Amino acid sequence: MTTTALSSWNSCCPKRPQPESYLFLGRGFLFDFLPVPVAIMLLFVLVGHILLKYTIFGRSIIAIGENEVAAQLSGLNVKLVKVAMYAFCGFCVSFAGIVLALLAGALAGGIWGMIPGVLKITRGQNEMIISIMLNYVATLLMGVIYTSWIRDASVPQTPAIDEAVHLPRIVSGMRFTWGLVIAIAVGLILYYVLFWTNAGFRLRAVGYNMTASRFNGIPVGRYMLASFIVSGAIAGLGGSAELLGTQFRLINGFGAGYGFDGVAMALIGQLHPIATMLVALFFAVLRVGSTTMQAATGVPTSVSDIIQALVIVFSVAGMALTKLPEFEAWKNRVFGKRKEGAA
């Protein structure tokens, strides 16, 4: 009977749970079930518990809380511990607020980007037209927010955000904030996902040829919707970083023209994440530095706009030229002669 039971167990469960199985179980619970803000809060609670229980600083705080007089008589610097405790708590609150604000912006952007994606998949609507029309909706909604719902007294703007959630600057005295680091990290992650993962390969295949991807069993609609949501989330993350690091409040004209600039930079960068980051940095230098150049040398800022326009025109014209059959024939003829001469 025992042998029969063991054979039945082995037939039903041919493999025993391996240690990595429990790792995947925990990872699925943390990243698939728990919302991101809840997971972040649990992480802060866990770190606080470890600091209080297993560090000298934590034991000092507990001792002061139990009996401050006894702790002071034992030679403990109560004032120093209190200052350190307040500083640490302030850092935790500030860091958690910044993270949650960035996540909220990414969530709002993802929801907003999902709208043209759903209309594209279900109704076959043009995503460019829908996105441009939604820009006007977002602008008017933003105007209602800072002129009516969350208005700062008589000024048509929202109240400034608390200094605790300001995105800190990388170098004091310069305009570089940690938003630049976030942008670089997002670009590198996108590069890895697009060119080094199976999901990225399928996403690029859907972009190149939807019909061929559908015949090869790729869920085209799912990948298209995911691209819309991720794109909106990245845009919302960038807007949150700009608001937390530079503007500190919602005002008229916030983010105006960023969408069209992004399209131009993506075209110049050949839709490559790394190249697009470099082009965006070049445009940022032109856009921000032109004001300083005008104040110092008297050169108008319109020169910067002319340079940007020329870069866009020549880049798009060059890309269109390389795809012409005449250019391909000329290239093959020239390089073919060079190969024959070398041979």
C-alpha atoms as a PDB file:
ATOM      1  CA  MET A   1       0.000   0.000   0.000  1.00  0.00           C
ATOM      2  CA  THR A   2       2.852   2.385   0.830  1.00  0.00           C
ATOM      3  CA  THR A   3       4.485   1.658  -2.513  1.00  0.00           C
ATOM      4  CA  THR A   4       1.215   2.313  -4.319  1.00  0.00           C
ATOM      5  CA  ALA A   5       0.780   5.629  -2.498  1.00  0.00           C
ATOM      6  CA  LEU A   6       4.333   6.725  -3.305  1.00  0.00           C
ATOM      7  CA  SER A   7       3.936   5.803  -6.973  1.00  0.00           C
ATOM      8  CA  SER A   8       0.654   7.731  -7.122  1.00  0.00           C
ATOM      9  CA  TRP A   9       2.350  10.765  -5.554  1.00  0.00           C
ATOM     10  CA  ASN A  10       5.230  10.595  -8.020  1.00  0.00           C
ATOM     11  CA  SER A  11       2.865  10.284 -10.971  1.00  0.00           C
ATOM     12  CA  CYS A  12       0.854  13.314  -9.870  1.00  0.00           C
ATOM     13  CA  CYS A  13       3.826  15.374  -8.727  1.00  0.00           C
ATOM     14  CA  PRO A  14       6.855  14.170 -10.705  1.00  0.00           C
ATOM     15  CA  LYS A  15       9.082  16.992  -9.472  1.00  0.00           C
ATOM     16  CA  ARG A  16       9.657  18.237  -5.980  1.00  0.00           C
ATOM     17  CA  PRO A  17       9.479  21.947  -5.344  1.00  0.00           C
ATOM     18  CA  GLN A  18      12.961  23.387  -5.815  1.00  0.00           C
ATOM     19  CA  PRO A  19      14.274  26.275  -3.666  1.00  0.00           C
ATOM     20  CA  GLU A  20      13.956  28.682  -6.594  1.00  0.00           C
ATOM     21  CA  SER A  21      10.245  27.802  -6.810  1.00  0.00           C
ATOM     22  CA  TYR A  22       9.646  29.614  -3.534  1.00  0.00           C
ATOM     23  CA  LEU A  23      11.647  32.560  -4.856  1.00  0.00           C
ATOM     24  CA  PHE A  24       9.317  32.830  -7.867  1.00  0.00           C
ATOM     25  CA  LEU A  25       6.337  32.448  -5.535  1.00  0.00           C
ATOM     26  CA  GLY A  26       7.453  35.431  -3.443  1.00  0.00           C
ATOM     27  CA  ARG A  27       8.372  37.483  -6.479  1.00  0.00           C
ATOM     28  CA  GLY A  28       4.975  36.887  -8.040  1.00  0.00           C
ATOM     29  CA  PHE A  29       3.256  37.945  -4.816  1.00  0.00           C
ATOM     30  CA  LEU A  30       5.327  41.098  -4.368  1.00  0.00           C
ATOM     31  CA  PHE A  31       5.366  42.356  -7.949  1.00  0.00           C
ATOM     32  CA  ASP A  32       2.133  40.972  -9.406  1.00  0.00           C
ATOM     33  CA  PHE A  33      -0.300  41.048  -6.479  1.00  0.00           C
ATOM     34  CA  LEU A  34       0.771  43.900  -4.225  1.00  0.00           C
ATOM     35  CA  PRO A  35       0.378  47.428  -5.584  1.00  0.00           C
ATOM     36  CA  VAL A  36       3.665  49.261  -5.918  1.00  0.00           C
ATOM     37  CA  PRO A  37       2.958  51.908  -3.206  1.00  0.00           C
ATOM     38  CA  VAL A  38       2.023  49.165  -0.711  1.00  0.00           C
ATOM     39  CA  ALA A  39       5.215  47.261  -1.499  1.00  0.00           C
ATOM     40  CA  ILE A  40       7.264  50.434  -0.977  1.00  0.00           C
ATOM     41  CA  MET A  41       5.610  51.078   2.396  1.00  0.00           C
ATOM     42  CA  LEU A  42       6.252  47.475   3.489  1.00  0.00           C
ATOM     43  CA  LEU A  43       9.880  47.892   2.474  1.00  0.00           C
ATOM     44  CA  PHE A  44      10.207  51.033   4.611  1.00  0.00           C
ATOM     45  CA  VAL A  45       8.614  49.223   7.568  1.00  0.00           C
ATOM     46  CA  LEU A  46      11.044  46.322   7.170  1.00  0.00           C
ATOM     47  CA  VAL A  47      14.073  48.617   6.955  1.00  0.00           C
ATOM     48  CA  GLY A  48      12.879  50.567  10.016  1.00  0.00           C
ATOM     49  CA  HIS A  49      12.448  47.366  12.000  1.00  0.00           C
ATOM     50  CA  ILE A  50      15.970  46.204  11.132  1.00  0.00           C
ATOM     51  CA  LEU A  51      17.477  49.582  12.040  1.00  0.00           C
ATOM     52  CA  LEU A  52      15.669  49.724  15.382  1.00  0.00           C
ATOM     53  CA  LYS A  53      16.431  46.173  16.415  1.00  0.00           C
ATOM     54  CA  TYR A  54      19.900  45.416  15.106  1.00  0.00           C
ATOM     55  CA  THR A  55      21.821  48.734  15.148  1.00  0.00           C
ATOM     56  CA  ILE A  56      23.316  50.853  17.903  1.00  0.00           C
ATOM     57  CA  PHE A  57      21.374  53.857  16.650  1.00  0.00           C
ATOM     58  CA  GLY A  58      18.104  51.938  16.917  1.00  0.00           C
ATOM     59  CA  ARG A  59      18.864  50.658  20.410  1.00  0.00           C
ATOM     60  CA  SER A  60      19.708  54.216  21.483  1.00  0.00           C
ATOM     61  CA  ILE A  61      16.329  55.458  20.227  1.00  0.00           C
ATOM     62  CA  ILE A  62      14.548  52.659  22.104  1.00  0.00           C
ATOM     63  CA  ALA A  63      16.481  53.448  25.282  1.00  0.00           C
ATOM     64  CA  ILE A  64      15.541  57.125  25.064  1.00  0.00           C
ATOM     65  CA  GLY A  65      11.924  56.227  24.456  1.00  0.00           C
ATOM     66  CA  GLU A  66      11.772  53.919  27.467  1.00  0.00           C
ATOM     67  CA  ASN A  67      13.528  56.222  29.932  1.00  0.00           C
ATOM     68  CA  GLU A  68      15.197  59.393  28.725  1.00  0.00           C
ATOM     69  CA  VAL A  69      16.688  60.268  32.124  1.00  0.00           C
ATOM     70  CA  ALA A  70      18.271  56.848  32.554  1.00  0.00           C
ATOM     71  CA  ALA A  71      19.654  56.984  29.050  1.00  0.00           C
ATOM     72  CA  GLN A  72      21.191  60.389  29.718  1.00  0.00           C
ATOM     73  CA  LEU A  73      22.725  59.221  32.988  1.00  0.00           C
ATOM     74  CA  SER A  74      24.267  56.235  31.205  1.00  0.00           C
ATOM     75  CA  GLY A  75      26.328  58.636  29.072  1.00  0.00           C
ATOM     76  CA  LEU A  76      24.179  58.623  25.961  1.00  0.00           C
ATOM     77  CA  ASN A  77      24.083  61.898  24.017  1.00  0.00           C
ATOM     78  CA  VAL A  78      20.315  62.284  23.927  1.00  0.00           C
ATOM     79  CA  LYS A  79      20.275  65.520  21.894  1.00  0.00           C
ATOM     80  CA  LEU A  80      22.521  64.066  19.180  1.00  0.00           C
ATOM     81  CA  VAL A  81      20.408  60.930  18.886  1.00  0.00           C
ATOM     82  CA  LYS A  82      17.221  63.005  18.660  1.00  0.00           C
ATOM     83  CA  VAL A  83      18.679  65.208  15.926  1.00  0.00           C
ATOM     84  CA  ALA A  84      19.815  62.133  13.997  1.00  0.00           C
ATOM     85  CA  MET A  85      16.414  60.493  14.457  1.00  0.00           C
ATOM     86  CA  TYR A  86      14.551  63.564  13.180  1.00  0.00           C
ATOM     87  CA  ALA A  87      16.916  63.854  10.219  1.00  0.00           C
ATOM     88  CA  PHE A  88      16.484  60.181   9.339  1.00  0.00           C
ATOM     89  CA  CYS A  89      12.690  60.353   9.621  1.00  0.00           C
ATOM     90  CA  GLY A  90      12.640  63.483   7.479  1.00  0.00           C
ATOM     91  CA  PHE A  91      14.742  61.748   4.831  1.00  0.00           C
ATOM     92  CA  CYS A  92      12.419  58.714   4.803  1.00  0.00           C
ATOM     93  CA  VAL A  93       9.323  60.884   4.488  1.00  0.00           C
ATOM     94  CA  SER A  94      10.914  62.998   1.740  1.00  0.00           C
ATOM     95  CA  PHE A  95      12.159  59.972  -0.208  1.00  0.00           C
ATOM     96  CA  ALA A  96       8.826  58.165   0.080  1.00  0.00           C
ATOM     97  CA  GLY A  97       6.955  61.308  -1.015  1.00  0.00           C
ATOM     98  CA  ILE A  98       9.184  61.782  -4.065  1.00  0.00           C
ATOM     99  CA  VAL A  99       8.847  58.131  -5.091  1.00  0.00           C
ATOM    100  CA  LEU A 100       5.070  58.130  -4.670  1.00  0.00           C
ATOM    101  CA  ALA A 101       4.749  61.412  -6.597  1.00  0.00           C
ATOM    102  CA  LEU A 102       6.800  60.006  -9.481  1.00  0.00           C
ATOM    103  CA  LEU A 103       4.756  56.810  -9.475  1.00  0.00           C
ATOM    104  CA  ALA A 104       1.518  58.806  -9.423  1.00  0.00           C
ATOM    105  CA  GLY A 105       2.661  60.769 -12.469  1.00  0.00           C
ATOM    106  CA  ALA A 106       3.647  57.586 -14.285  1.00  0.00           C
ATOM    107  CA  LEU A 107       0.288  55.993 -13.425  1.00  0.00           C
ATOM    108  CA  ALA A 108      -1.665  59.021 -14.680  1.00  0.00           C
ATOM    109  CA  GLY A 109       0.409  59.123 -17.866  1.00  0.00           C
ATOM    110  CA  GLY A 110      -0.120  55.412 -18.458  1.00  0.00           C
ATOM    111  CA  ILE A 111      -3.886  55.778 -18.107  1.00  0.00           C
ATOM    112  CA  TRP A 112      -3.859  58.778 -20.449  1.00  0.00           C
ATOM    113  CA  GLY A 113      -1.740  56.919 -22.995  1.00  0.00           C
ATOM    114  CA  MET A 114      -4.069  53.926 -22.836  1.00  0.00           C
ATOM    115  CA  ILE A 115      -6.953  55.955 -24.334  1.00  0.00           C
ATOM    116  CA  PRO A 116      -5.528  56.286 -27.888  1.00  0.00           C
ATOM    117  CA  GLY A 117      -4.244  52.716 -27.631  1.00  0.00           C
ATOM    118  CA  VAL A 118      -7.708  51.326 -26.915  1.00  0.00           C
ATOM    119  CA  LEU A 119      -9.245  53.417 -29.704  1.00  0.00           C
ATOM    120  CA  LYS A 120      -6.529  52.256 -32.105  1.00  0.00           C
ATOM    121  CA  ILE A 121      -7.029  48.579 -31.320  1.00  0.00           C
ATOM    122  CA  THR A 122     -10.805  48.456 -31.026  1.00  0.00           C
ATOM    123  CA  ARG A 123     -11.887  51.104 -33.548  1.00  0.00           C
ATOM    124  CA  GLY A 124      -8.871  51.443 -35.841  1.00  0.00           C
ATOM    125  CA  GLN A 125      -8.568  55.179 -35.159  1.00  0.00           C
ATOM    126  CA  ASN A 126      -5.404  57.070 -36.049  1.00  0.00           C
ATOM    127  CA  GLU A 127      -3.305  57.293 -32.910  1.00  0.00           C
ATOM    128  CA  MET A 128      -1.561  60.517 -33.928  1.00  0.00           C
ATOM    129  CA  ILE A 129      -4.819  62.431 -34.388  1.00  0.00           C
ATOM    130  CA  ILE A 130      -6.289  61.034 -31.166  1.00  0.00           C
ATOM    131  CA  SER A 131      -3.138  61.932 -29.206  1.00  0.00           C
ATOM    132  CA  ILE A 132      -3.067  65.478 -30.589  1.00  0.00           C
ATOM    133  CA  MET A 133      -6.733  65.978 -29.750  1.00  0.00           C
ATOM    134  CA  LEU A 134      -6.131  64.638 -26.244  1.00  0.00           C
ATOM    135  CA  ASN A 135      -3.420  67.277 -25.812  1.00  0.00           C
ATOM    136  CA  TYR A 136      -6.114  69.964 -25.950  1.00  0.00           C
ATOM    137  CA  VAL A 137      -8.227  68.018 -23.463  1.00  0.00           C
ATOM    138  CA  ALA A 138      -5.264  67.739 -21.086  1.00  0.00           C
ATOM    139  CA  THR A 139      -4.422  71.435 -21.470  1.00  0.00           C
ATOM    140  CA  LEU A 140      -7.974  72.526 -20.690  1.00  0.00           C
ATOM    141  CA  LEU A 141      -8.199  70.109 -17.767  1.00  0.00           C
ATOM    142  CA  MET A 142      -4.938  71.476 -16.416  1.00  0.00           C
ATOM    143  CA  GLY A 143      -6.338  75.006 -16.765  1.00  0.00           C
ATOM    144  CA  VAL A 144      -9.373  74.065 -14.685  1.00  0.00           C
ATOM    145  CA  ILE A 145      -7.099  72.656 -11.991  1.00  0.00           C
ATOM    146  CA  TYR A 146      -4.882  75.715 -11.501  1.00  0.00           C
ATOM    147  CA  THR A 147      -7.589  78.320 -12.061  1.00  0.00           C
ATOM    148  CA  SER A 148     -10.436  76.797 -10.083  1.00  0.00           C
ATOM    149  CA  TRP A 149      -9.963  73.545  -8.175  1.00  0.00           C
ATOM    150  CA  ILE A 150      -6.486  74.025  -6.654  1.00  0.00           C
ATOM    151  CA  ARG A 151      -5.838  77.717  -7.140  1.00  0.00           C
ATOM    152  CA  ASP A 152      -3.236  79.627  -5.141  1.00  0.00           C
ATOM    153  CA  ALA A 153      -5.293  82.589  -3.870  1.00  0.00           C
ATOM    154  CA  SER A 154      -5.728  85.113  -6.683  1.00  0.00           C
ATOM    155  CA  VAL A 155      -2.831  83.812  -8.800  1.00  0.00           C
ATOM    156  CA  PRO A 156      -3.783  81.361 -11.588  1.00  0.00           C
ATOM    157  CA  GLN A 157      -1.449  78.606 -10.433  1.00  0.00           C
ATOM    158  CA  THR A 158      -1.416  75.822  -7.882  1.00  0.00           C
ATOM    159  CA  PRO A 159       0.295  76.248  -4.504  1.00  0.00           C
ATOM    160  CA  ALA A 160       3.956  75.275  -4.459  1.00  0.00           C
ATOM    161  CA  ILE A 161       4.724  71.737  -3.420  1.00  0.00           C
ATOM    162  CA  ASP A 162       6.386  71.161  -0.071  1.00  0.00           C
ATOM    163  CA  GLU A 163      10.167  71.420  -0.005  1.00  0.00           C
ATOM    164  CA  ALA A 164      10.344  67.906   1.428  1.00  0.00           C
ATOM    165  CA  VAL A 165       9.315  66.443  -1.926  1.00  0.00           C
ATOM    166  CA  HIS A 166      11.534  68.624  -4.104  1.00  0.00           C
ATOM    167  CA  LEU A 167      13.644  66.521  -6.418  1.00  0.00           C
ATOM    168  CA  PRO A 168      17.207  67.275  -5.231  1.00  0.00           C
ATOM    169  CA  ARG A 169      19.890  68.616  -7.523  1.00  0.00           C
ATOM    170  CA  ILE A 170      22.863  66.438  -8.420  1.00  0.00           C
ATOM    171  CA  VAL A 171      25.341  69.284  -7.942  1.00  0.00           C
ATOM    172  CA  SER A 172      24.517  72.247  -5.727  1.00  0.00           C
ATOM    173  CA  GLY A 173      24.263  75.485  -7.675  1.00  0.00           C
ATOM    174  CA  MET A 174      23.507  73.782 -10.997  1.00  0.00           C
ATOM    175  CA  ARG A 175      20.158  72.988 -12.651  1.00  0.00           C
ATOM    176  CA  PHE A 176      20.819  69.266 -13.001  1.00  0.00           C
ATOM    177  CA  THR A 177      18.392  67.315 -10.839  1.00  0.00           C
ATOM    178  CA  TRP A 178      18.008  63.596 -10.303  1.00  0.00           C
ATOM    179  CA  GLY A 179      15.445  63.730 -13.094  1.00  0.00           C
ATOM    180  CA  LEU A 180      18.407  63.497 -15.495  1.00  0.00           C
ATOM    181  CA  VAL A 181      19.519  60.268 -13.817  1.00  0.00           C
ATOM    182  CA  ILE A 182      15.960  58.926 -14.027  1.00  0.00           C
ATOM    183  CA  ALA A 183      15.795  59.779 -17.749  1.00  0.00           C
ATOM    184  CA  ILE A 184      19.123  58.051 -18.454  1.00  0.00           C
ATOM    185  CA  ALA A 185      18.052  54.991 -16.461  1.00  0.00           C
ATOM    186  CA  VAL A 186      14.742  54.786 -18.340  1.00  0.00           C
ATOM    187  CA  GLY A 187      16.561  55.070 -21.682  1.00  0.00           C
ATOM    188  CA  LEU A 188      18.997  52.283 -20.787  1.00  0.00           C
ATOM    189  CA  ILE A 189      16.174  50.055 -19.552  1.00  0.00           C
ATOM    190  CA  LEU A 190      14.240  50.647 -22.778  1.00  0.00           C
ATOM    191  CA  TYR A 191      17.338  49.810 -24.832  1.00  0.00           C
ATOM    192  CA  TYR A 192      17.808  46.544 -22.944  1.00  0.00           C
ATOM    193  CA  VAL A 193      14.138  45.568 -23.187  1.00  0.00           C
ATOM    194  CA  LEU A 194      13.825  46.399 -26.894  1.00  0.00           C
ATOM    195  CA  PHE A 195      17.039  44.790 -28.124  1.00  0.00           C
ATOM    196  CA  TRP A 196      17.892  42.086 -25.590  1.00  0.00           C
ATOM    197  CA  THR A 197      14.601  40.505 -24.538  1.00  0.00           C
ATOM    198  CA  ASN A 198      12.030  38.338 -26.248  1.00  0.00           C
ATOM    199  CA  ALA A 199       9.245  40.806 -25.478  1.00  0.00           C
ATOM    200  CA  GLY A 200      11.256  43.633 -27.049  1.00  0.00           C
ATOM    201  CA  PHE A 201      11.855  41.593 -30.197  1.00  0.00           C
ATOM    202  CA  ARG A 202       8.139  40.896 -30.511  1.00  0.00           C
ATOM    203  CA  LEU A 203       7.318  44.550 -29.922  1.00  0.00           C
ATOM    204  CA  ARG A 204       9.698  45.625 -32.688  1.00  0.00           C
ATOM    205  CA  ALA A 205       8.269  42.954 -34.966  1.00  0.00           C
ATOM    206  CA  VAL A 206       4.770  44.343 -34.393  1.00  0.00           C
ATOM    207  CA  GLY A 207       6.045  47.816 -35.254  1.00  0.00           C
ATOM    208  CA  TYR A 208       7.733  46.647 -38.452  1.00  0.00           C
ATOM    209  CA  ASN A 209       4.924  44.448 -39.787  1.00  0.00           C
ATOM    210  CA  MET A 210       1.695  43.811 -37.907  1.00  0.00           C
ATOM    211  CA  THR A 211       0.346  41.320 -40.461  1.00  0.00           C
ATOM    212  CA  ALA A 212       3.439  39.114 -40.374  1.00  0.00           C
ATOM    213  CA  SER A 213       3.515  39.303 -36.585  1.00  0.00           C
ATOM    214  CA  ARG A 214      -0.123  38.239 -36.380  1.00  0.00           C
ATOM    215  CA  PHE A 215       0.500  35.242 -38.654  1.00  0.00           C
ATOM    216  CA  ASN A 216       3.463  34.243 -36.477  1.00  0.00           C
ATOM    217  CA  GLY A 217       1.257  34.056 -33.389  1.00  0.00           C
ATOM    218  CA  ILE A 218       2.257  37.340 -31.751  1.00  0.00           C
ATOM    219  CA  PRO A 219      -0.663  39.030 -29.891  1.00  0.00           C
ATOM    220  CA  VAL A 220      -0.491  42.296 -31.831  1.00  0.00           C
ATOM    221  CA  GLY A 221      -3.215  44.074 -29.898  1.00  0.00           C
ATOM    222  CA  ARG A 222      -1.675  43.293 -26.538  1.00  0.00           C
ATOM    223  CA  TYR A 223       1.764  44.561 -27.543  1.00  0.00           C
ATOM    224  CA  MET A 224       0.332  47.699 -29.136  1.00  0.00           C
ATOM    225  CA  LEU A 225      -1.649  48.515 -26.012  1.00  0.00           C
ATOM    226  CA  ALA A 226       1.416  47.853 -23.825  1.00  0.00           C
ATOM    227  CA  SER A 227       3.488  50.243 -25.941  1.00  0.00           C
ATOM    228  CA  PHE A 228       0.861  52.980 -25.562  1.00  0.00           C
ATOM    229  CA  ILE A 229       0.651  52.492 -21.793  1.00  0.00           C
ATOM    230  CA  VAL A 230       4.429  52.394 -21.289  1.00  0.00           C
ATOM    231  CA  SER A 231       4.899  55.467 -23.492  1.00  0.00           C
ATOM    232  CA  GLY A 232       2.301  57.388 -21.496  1.00  0.00           C
ATOM    233  CA  ALA A 233       3.864  56.244 -18.218  1.00  0.00           C
ATOM    234  CA  ILE A 234       7.293  57.476 -19.321  1.00  0.00           C
ATOM    235  CA  ALA A 235       5.800  60.827 -20.335  1.00  0.00           C
ATOM    236  CA  GLY A 236       4.037  61.094 -16.968  1.00  0.00           C
ATOM    237  CA  LEU A 237       7.280  60.223 -15.188  1.00  0.00           C
ATOM    238  CA  GLY A 238       9.099  62.963 -17.087  1.00  0.00           C
ATOM    239  CA  GLY A 239       6.385  65.486 -16.249  1.00  0.00           C
ATOM    240  CA  SER A 240       6.539  64.541 -12.567  1.00  0.00           C
ATOM    241  CA  ALA A 241      10.319  64.943 -12.535  1.00  0.00           C
ATOM    242  CA  GLU A 242      10.001  68.359 -14.184  1.00  0.00           C
ATOM    243  CA  LEU A 243       7.352  69.463 -11.694  1.00  0.00           C
ATOM    244  CA  LEU A 244       9.225  68.176  -8.639  1.00  0.00           C
ATOM    245  CA  GLY A 245      12.632  69.413  -9.736  1.00  0.00           C
ATOM    246  CA  THR A 246      12.105  72.683 -11.613  1.00  0.00           C
ATOM    247  CA  GLN A 247       8.609  74.205 -11.628  1.00  0.00           C
ATOM    248  CA  PHE A 248       7.386  73.123  -8.148  1.00  0.00           C
ATOM    249  CA  ARG A 249       3.840  74.102  -9.133  1.00  0.00           C
ATOM    250  CA  LEU A 250       1.365  73.743 -11.998  1.00  0.00           C
ATOM    251  CA  ILE A 251       1.248  76.923 -14.084  1.00  0.00           C
ATOM    252  CA  ASN A 252      -0.006  78.073 -17.457  1.00  0.00           C
ATOM    253  CA  GLY A 253       2.077  76.688 -20.316  1.00  0.00           C
ATOM    254  CA  PHE A 254       3.584  73.822 -18.335  1.00  0.00           C
ATOM    255  CA  GLY A 255       4.919  71.190 -20.740  1.00  0.00           C
ATOM    256  CA  ALA A 256       3.824  73.100 -23.835  1.00  0.00           C
ATOM    257  CA  GLY A 257       5.395  71.717 -27.012  1.00  0.00           C
ATOM    258  CA  TYR A 258       7.139  68.789 -25.320  1.00  0.00           C
ATOM    259  CA  GLY A 259       5.127  66.251 -27.325  1.00  0.00           C
ATOM    260  CA  PHE A 260       6.080  67.670 -30.726  1.00  0.00           C
ATOM    261  CA  ASP A 261       9.693  68.046 -29.593  1.00  0.00           C
ATOM    262  CA  GLY A 262       9.674  64.391 -28.555  1.00  0.00           C
ATOM    263  CA  VAL A 263       8.431  63.287 -31.978  1.00  0.00           C
ATOM    264  CA  ALA A 264      11.178  65.313 -33.692  1.00  0.00           C
ATOM    265  CA  MET A 265      13.895  63.934 -31.409  1.00  0.00           C
ATOM    266  CA  ALA A 266      12.702  60.356 -31.912  1.00  0.00           C
ATOM    267  CA  LEU A 267      12.798  60.819 -35.705  1.00  0.00           C
ATOM    268  CA  ILE A 268      16.303  62.280 -35.621  1.00  0.00           C
ATOM    269  CA  GLY A 269      17.450  59.480 -33.291  1.00  0.00           C
ATOM    270  CA  GLN A 270      16.100  56.845 -35.720  1.00  0.00           C
ATOM    271  CA  LEU A 271      13.753  55.546 -32.976  1.00  0.00           C
ATOM    272  CA  HIS A 272      16.751  54.253 -31.005  1.00  0.00           C
ATOM    273  CA  PRO A 273      16.637  54.892 -27.214  1.00  0.00           C
ATOM    274  CA  ILE A 274      20.328  55.778 -26.823  1.00  0.00           C
ATOM    275  CA  ALA A 275      20.408  58.013 -29.901  1.00  0.00           C
ATOM    276  CA  THR A 276      17.176  59.706 -28.836  1.00  0.00           C
ATOM    277  CA  MET A 277      18.706  60.526 -25.431  1.00  0.00           C
ATOM    278  CA  LEU A 278      21.724  62.144 -27.106  1.00  0.00           C
ATOM    279  CA  VAL A 279      19.508  64.160 -29.457  1.00  0.00           C
ATOM    280  CA  ALA A 280      17.327  65.247 -26.519  1.00  0.00           C
ATOM    281  CA  LEU A 281      20.434  66.408 -24.642  1.00  0.00           C
ATOM    282  CA  PHE A 282      21.565  68.399 -27.702  1.00  0.00           C
ATOM    283  CA  PHE A 283      18.149  70.058 -28.030  1.00  0.00           C
ATOM    284  CA  ALA A 284      18.093  70.793 -24.293  1.00  0.00           C
ATOM    285  CA  VAL A 285      21.452  72.570 -24.552  1.00  0.00           C
ATOM    286  CA  LEU A 286      20.142  74.678 -27.425  1.00  0.00           C
ATOM    287  CA  ARG A 287      16.822  75.409 -25.734  1.00  0.00           C
ATOM    288  CA  VAL A 288      18.155  76.319 -22.278  1.00  0.00           C
ATOM    289  CA  GLY A 289      21.469  77.857 -23.326  1.00  0.00           C
ATOM    290  CA  SER A 290      19.915  80.230 -25.839  1.00  0.00           C
ATOM    291  CA  THR A 291      18.497  82.435 -23.080  1.00  0.00           C
ATOM    292  CA  THR A 292      21.906  82.809 -21.426  1.00  0.00           C
ATOM    293  CA  MET A 293      23.507  83.425 -24.814  1.00  0.00           C
ATOM    294  CA  GLN A 294      21.063  86.241 -25.544  1.00  0.00           C
ATOM    295  CA  ALA A 295      21.709  87.888 -22.166  1.00  0.00           C
ATOM    296  CA  ALA A 296      25.500  87.651 -22.511  1.00  0.00           C
ATOM    297  CA  THR A 297      26.112  88.322 -26.218  1.00  0.00           C
ATOM    298  CA  GLY A 298      22.877  89.826 -27.515  1.00  0.00           C
ATOM    299  CA  VAL A 299      22.281  86.971 -29.984  1.00  0.00           C
ATOM    300  CA  PRO A 300      18.496  86.415 -30.166  1.00  0.00           C
ATOM    301  CA  THR A 301      17.012  83.112 -29.032  1.00  0.00           C
ATOM    302  CA  SER A 302      15.434  82.682 -32.457  1.00  0.00           C
ATOM    303  CA  VAL A 303      18.862  81.566 -33.716  1.00  0.00           C
ATOM    304  CA  SER A 304      18.523  78.480 -31.536  1.00  0.00           C
ATOM    305  CA  ASP A 305      15.080  77.790 -33.015  1.00  0.00           C
ATOM    306  CA  ILE A 306      16.495  78.121 -36.536  1.00  0.00           C
ATOM    307  CA  ILE A 307      19.282  75.640 -35.736  1.00  0.00           C
ATOM    308  CA  GLN A 308      16.775  73.159 -34.319  1.00  0.00           C
ATOM    309  CA  ALA A 309      14.561  73.497 -37.394  1.00  0.00           C
ATOM    310  CA  LEU A 310      17.512  72.989 -39.750  1.00  0.00           C
ATOM    311  CA  VAL A 311      18.624  69.892 -37.840  1.00  0.00           C
ATOM    312  CA  ILE A 312      15.122  68.415 -38.111  1.00  0.00           C
ATOM    313  CA  VAL A 313      14.788  69.265 -41.829  1.00  0.00           C
ATOM    314  CA  PHE A 314      18.176  67.849 -42.849  1.00  0.00           C
ATOM    315  CA  SER A 315      17.756  64.747 -40.674  1.00  0.00           C
ATOM    316  CA  VAL A 316      14.337  63.879 -42.094  1.00  0.00           C
ATOM    317  CA  ALA A 317      15.484  64.728 -45.635  1.00  0.00           C
ATOM    318  CA  GLY A 318      18.547  62.528 -45.221  1.00  0.00           C
ATOM    319  CA  MET A 319      16.454  59.603 -44.001  1.00  0.00           C
ATOM    320  CA  ALA A 320      14.055  60.018 -46.925  1.00  0.00           C
ATOM    321  CA  LEU A 321      16.949  60.270 -49.386  1.00  0.00           C
ATOM    322  CA  THR A 322      18.539  57.011 -48.289  1.00  0.00           C
ATOM    323  CA  LYS A 323      15.282  55.142 -48.976  1.00  0.00           C
ATOM    324  CA  LEU A 324      14.927  56.332 -52.589  1.00  0.00           C
ATOM    325  CA  PRO A 325      15.573  53.647 -55.263  1.00  0.00           C
ATOM    326  CA  GLU A 326      17.823  56.045 -57.185  1.00  0.00           C
ATOM    327  CA  PHE A 327      20.024  56.550 -54.133  1.00  0.00           C
ATOM    328  CA  GLU A 328      20.225  52.797 -53.561  1.00  0.00           C
ATOM    329  CA  ALA A 329      21.225  52.252 -57.204  1.00  0.00           C
ATOM    330  CA  TRP A 330      23.867  55.006 -56.982  1.00  0.00           C
ATOM    331  CA  LYS A 331      25.265  53.571 -53.750  1.00  0.00           C
ATOM    332  CA  ASN A 332      25.467  50.062 -55.182  1.00  0.00           C
ATOM    333  CA  ARG A 333      27.121  51.351 -58.333  1.00  0.00           C
ATOM    334  CA  VAL A 334      29.756  53.413 -56.490  1.00  0.00           C
ATOM    335  CA  PHE A 335      30.602  50.867 -53.818  1.00  0.00           C
ATOM    336  CA  GLY A 336      30.388  48.025 -56.330  1.00  0.00           C
ATOM    337  CA  LYS A 337      33.124  49.664 -58.432  1.00  0.00           C
ATOM    338  CA  ARG A 338      35.274  50.155 -55.325  1.00  0.00           C
ATOM    339  CA  LYS A 339      34.942  46.467 -54.432  1.00  0.00           C
ATOM    340  CA  GLU A 340      35.851  45.434 -57.962  1.00  0.00           C
ATOM    341  CA  GLY A 341      38.878  47.723 -57.932  1.00  0.00           C
ATOM    342  CA  ALA A 342      40.022  46.351 -54.570  1.00  0.00           C
ATOM    343  CA  ALA A 343      39.606  42.792 -55.816  1.00  0.00           C
END
